[in-house]
């Protein structure tokens, strides 16, 4: 007798649960939300994470010479959002594409006093301030906050490989004699390296300067950081 009452009670609870929950589950399936959890709920419809940008840590300090033969350091970018790359003017491979990507970024934020660009050569023996100035003119650079920097080779390589962990090296076997990363670093107003997350929620660290999507992504995230 007691068992029968227990079974009836359980059946009644299941019935009530079904009446309340099943329509909601059906609605979630229709909306594509049924598999989302606390982490996946941050994924937007285009597969990008909608959560805040990740803070990787303080950007390495630098103090180098620009195309106007003036000393430029990270302190000159204090209070600014900036994008940083490593390149060289005689690069026959990826640098021209990186230059074009940077020009797109410059164009979008041109005139904004809180934004800047830093391009550091990995071939300082050739890329003197005079050479860098001609290169900037050849590209049609308009922003006074885009500095092309040169200096001591060992200092630059330490900054690239150990500081930012963006590979740069000499290699006589490759066209141009140097090889390096095609990635861009994004630094916020407080001097911290920032980045978005990939579709799995992991920080991407740096942005692809050779890819249209990478350029669009960094432009969107620059806008976010400028508003902070």
Protein backbone atom coordinates (compact mmCIF):
# COMPACT_ATOMS: atom_id res chain seq x y z
CA UNK A 1 0.00 0.00 0.00
CA UNK A 2 2.79 2.40 1.03
CA UNK A 3 4.76 1.55 -2.14
CA UNK A 4 1.74 2.29 -4.33
CA UNK A 5 1.32 5.71 -2.73
CA UNK A 6 5.03 6.40 -3.25
CA UNK A 7 4.80 5.47 -6.94
CA UNK A 8 1.73 7.68 -7.36
CA UNK A 9 3.52 10.59 -5.67
CA UNK A 10 6.61 10.21 -7.87
CA UNK A 11 4.45 9.95 -10.99
CA UNK A 12 2.60 13.13 -10.00
CA UNK A 13 5.93 15.03 -9.51
CA UNK A 14 7.21 13.82 -12.89
CA UNK A 15 3.95 14.90 -14.54
CA UNK A 16 4.16 18.40 -13.02
CA UNK A 17 7.83 18.69 -14.02
CA UNK A 18 7.01 17.65 -17.59
CA UNK A 19 4.21 20.19 -17.90
CA UNK A 20 6.50 22.97 -16.66
CA UNK A 21 9.88 22.06 -18.17
CA UNK A 22 9.29 20.39 -21.54
CA UNK A 23 7.94 23.49 -23.31
CA UNK A 24 10.97 25.45 -22.08
CA UNK A 25 13.37 22.76 -23.33
CA UNK A 26 11.66 22.75 -26.71
CA UNK A 27 12.00 26.53 -26.91
CA UNK A 28 15.71 26.33 -26.05
CA UNK A 29 16.26 23.70 -28.74
CA UNK A 30 14.55 25.96 -31.27
CA UNK A 31 16.77 28.86 -30.21
CA UNK A 32 19.93 26.73 -30.27
CA UNK A 33 20.59 27.41 -26.56
CA UNK A 34 20.18 23.94 -25.13
CA UNK A 35 23.92 23.13 -25.09
CA UNK A 36 25.08 26.42 -23.62
CA UNK A 37 26.60 26.56 -20.16
CA UNK A 38 28.10 29.36 -18.14
CA UNK A 39 31.19 29.49 -20.38
CA UNK A 40 29.56 28.81 -23.70
CA UNK A 41 26.91 31.44 -23.01
CA UNK A 42 29.65 33.97 -23.79
CA UNK A 43 29.90 32.76 -27.38
CA UNK A 44 28.21 35.07 -29.85
CA UNK A 45 26.41 33.96 -33.01
CA UNK A 46 29.51 34.49 -35.16
CA UNK A 47 31.58 32.19 -32.94
CA UNK A 48 33.51 34.96 -31.17
CA UNK A 49 33.68 35.39 -27.41
CA UNK A 50 31.62 38.33 -26.22
CA UNK A 51 33.30 38.53 -22.81
CA UNK A 52 35.76 41.26 -21.87
CA UNK A 53 39.22 41.35 -23.41
CA UNK A 54 41.87 39.31 -21.64
CA UNK A 55 44.72 41.10 -19.85
CA UNK A 56 47.94 39.20 -20.61
CA UNK A 57 50.27 41.37 -18.54
CA UNK A 58 52.41 44.53 -18.77
CA UNK A 59 53.94 45.22 -22.18
CA UNK A 60 57.77 45.23 -22.14
CA UNK A 61 59.39 48.65 -21.86
CA UNK A 62 61.30 50.07 -24.82
CA UNK A 63 63.40 53.16 -25.54
CA UNK A 64 64.43 53.46 -29.19
CA UNK A 65 64.95 56.04 -31.97
CA UNK A 66 62.25 56.95 -34.46
CA UNK A 67 62.24 58.11 -38.08
CA UNK A 68 62.70 61.72 -36.95
CA UNK A 69 65.81 60.74 -34.98
CA UNK A 70 63.98 61.34 -31.69
CA UNK A 71 63.94 59.04 -28.68
CA UNK A 72 60.63 57.26 -28.22
CA UNK A 73 59.73 55.02 -25.26
CA UNK A 74 56.67 53.23 -23.98
CA UNK A 75 56.13 56.27 -21.74
CA UNK A 76 55.27 58.28 -24.87
CA UNK A 77 52.30 55.94 -25.32
CA UNK A 78 51.08 56.19 -21.74
CA UNK A 79 47.35 56.82 -21.76
CA UNK A 80 47.10 55.63 -25.38
CA UNK A 81 45.93 52.41 -26.98
CA UNK A 82 48.55 51.21 -29.47
CA UNK A 83 49.39 48.39 -31.83
CA UNK A 84 52.98 47.11 -32.05
CA UNK A 85 54.77 45.03 -34.70
CA UNK A 86 58.28 43.89 -35.66
CA UNK A 87 59.28 44.27 -39.32
CA UNK A 88 62.09 45.46 -41.62
CA UNK A 89 62.03 47.74 -44.65
CA UNK A 90 63.75 45.37 -47.09
CA UNK A 91 61.41 42.49 -46.27
CA UNK A 92 60.34 40.76 -49.52
CA UNK A 93 57.71 38.50 -47.98
CA UNK A 94 55.22 39.28 -45.21
CA UNK A 95 56.10 42.88 -44.29
CA UNK A 96 54.36 44.55 -47.26
CA UNK A 97 51.13 42.82 -46.24
CA UNK A 98 51.68 43.82 -42.61
CA UNK A 99 52.27 47.41 -43.75
CA UNK A 100 48.96 47.40 -45.63
CA UNK A 101 47.17 46.02 -42.57
CA UNK A 102 48.66 48.74 -40.39
CA UNK A 103 47.60 51.38 -42.91
CA UNK A 104 44.02 50.10 -42.65
CA UNK A 105 44.22 50.40 -38.87
CA UNK A 106 45.77 53.88 -39.11
CA UNK A 107 43.02 55.02 -41.48
CA UNK A 108 40.23 53.85 -39.17
CA UNK A 109 41.61 55.66 -36.12
CA UNK A 110 43.36 58.58 -37.80
CA UNK A 111 43.04 61.76 -35.78
CA UNK A 112 42.28 60.00 -32.50
CA UNK A 113 44.78 61.43 -29.96
CA UNK A 114 44.45 58.32 -27.79
CA UNK A 115 45.68 55.87 -30.43
CA UNK A 116 49.10 55.08 -31.88
CA UNK A 117 51.21 52.54 -33.77
CA UNK A 118 54.74 51.24 -33.12
CA UNK A 119 56.76 49.50 -35.87
CA UNK A 120 60.16 48.22 -34.71
CA UNK A 121 62.76 47.13 -37.26
CA UNK A 122 64.68 43.89 -36.78
CA UNK A 123 67.31 45.09 -39.28
CA UNK A 124 68.69 48.17 -37.51
CA UNK A 125 72.00 48.09 -39.39
CA UNK A 126 70.18 49.00 -42.57
CA UNK A 127 67.08 50.64 -41.14
CA UNK A 128 68.49 53.92 -39.88
CA UNK A 129 66.17 56.82 -38.98
CA UNK A 130 66.67 58.18 -42.50
CA UNK A 131 65.71 54.87 -44.12
CA UNK A 132 62.69 54.53 -41.83
CA UNK A 133 61.54 58.06 -42.69
CA UNK A 134 61.69 57.31 -46.42
CA UNK A 135 59.80 54.07 -45.80
CA UNK A 136 57.06 55.90 -43.89
CA UNK A 137 56.78 58.46 -46.69
CA UNK A 138 56.64 55.69 -49.28
CA UNK A 139 53.76 54.07 -47.40
CA UNK A 140 51.92 57.36 -47.13
CA UNK A 141 51.84 57.37 -43.32
CA UNK A 142 49.89 60.39 -42.04
CA UNK A 143 49.68 59.86 -38.28
CA UNK A 144 52.24 61.58 -36.04
CA UNK A 145 51.60 58.81 -33.51
CA UNK A 146 52.98 56.08 -35.80
CA UNK A 147 56.63 55.67 -34.89
CA UNK A 148 59.08 53.53 -36.86
CA UNK A 149 61.81 52.59 -34.39
CA UNK A 150 65.41 51.44 -34.62
CA UNK A 151 68.24 50.95 -32.16
CA UNK A 152 70.67 48.40 -30.77
CA UNK A 153 70.16 45.01 -32.44
CA UNK A 154 70.55 42.89 -29.29
CA UNK A 155 68.12 45.15 -27.42
CA UNK A 156 65.54 44.83 -30.20
CA UNK A 157 65.89 41.06 -30.42
CA UNK A 158 65.53 40.70 -26.65
CA UNK A 159 62.45 42.90 -26.80
CA UNK A 160 60.95 40.79 -29.57
CA UNK A 161 61.88 37.26 -28.51
CA UNK A 162 61.97 37.57 -24.72
CA UNK A 163 59.81 40.59 -24.04
CA UNK A 164 56.83 40.17 -26.37
CA UNK A 165 57.61 36.56 -27.31
CA UNK A 166 57.15 37.47 -30.97
CA UNK A 167 59.81 35.62 -32.94
CA UNK A 168 62.50 37.50 -34.87
CA UNK A 169 65.83 36.15 -36.14
CA UNK A 170 68.48 36.28 -38.81
CA UNK A 171 68.53 33.50 -41.38
CA UNK A 172 70.82 33.72 -44.41
CA UNK A 173 68.88 30.90 -46.08
CA UNK A 174 65.62 32.83 -46.38
CA UNK A 175 64.85 35.58 -48.85
CA UNK A 176 65.70 38.90 -47.22
CA UNK A 177 68.00 37.38 -44.58
CA UNK A 178 65.53 37.71 -41.69
CA UNK A 179 62.43 35.93 -40.48
CA UNK A 180 59.85 37.11 -37.98
CA UNK A 181 56.31 36.86 -36.73
CA UNK A 182 53.46 38.43 -38.64
CA UNK A 183 51.50 39.10 -35.46
CA UNK A 184 50.40 42.40 -33.92
CA UNK A 185 50.38 43.15 -30.20
CA UNK A 186 47.56 45.26 -28.76
CA UNK A 187 48.39 47.41 -25.72
CA UNK A 188 45.85 49.33 -23.63
CA UNK A 189 46.03 52.78 -22.01
CA UNK A 190 47.60 51.34 -18.85
CA UNK A 191 50.39 49.61 -20.78
CA UNK A 192 48.96 46.08 -20.60
CA UNK A 193 48.88 43.62 -23.49
CA UNK A 194 45.25 42.77 -24.21
CA UNK A 195 43.50 40.32 -26.52
CA UNK A 196 40.20 38.68 -27.34
CA UNK A 197 39.29 35.00 -26.88
CA UNK A 198 38.96 32.33 -29.53
CA UNK A 199 35.80 30.29 -30.06
CA UNK A 200 36.82 27.96 -27.22
CA UNK A 201 37.32 30.76 -24.71
CA UNK A 202 41.12 30.79 -24.84
CA UNK A 203 43.06 34.09 -25.17
CA UNK A 204 44.59 34.47 -28.64
CA UNK A 205 47.49 36.59 -27.24
CA UNK A 206 48.23 38.37 -30.55
CA UNK A 207 46.40 39.30 -33.74
CA UNK A 208 47.18 38.04 -37.25
CA UNK A 209 48.52 40.99 -39.24
CA UNK A 210 48.35 39.03 -42.48
CA UNK A 211 44.68 38.15 -42.30
CA UNK A 212 41.65 40.36 -43.02
CA UNK A 213 39.77 38.85 -40.10
CA UNK A 214 42.70 39.56 -37.81
CA UNK A 215 42.65 43.21 -38.88
CA UNK A 216 38.88 43.46 -38.36
CA UNK A 217 39.19 41.84 -34.94
CA UNK A 218 41.93 44.18 -33.74
CA UNK A 219 40.02 47.22 -35.02
CA UNK A 220 36.97 46.13 -33.02
CA UNK A 221 39.06 45.59 -29.90
CA UNK A 222 40.90 48.90 -30.28
CA UNK A 223 37.47 50.55 -30.23
CA UNK A 224 36.62 48.70 -27.01
CA UNK A 225 39.88 49.76 -25.33
CA UNK A 226 39.52 53.38 -26.42
CA UNK A 227 36.17 53.48 -24.64
CA UNK A 228 37.60 52.14 -21.36
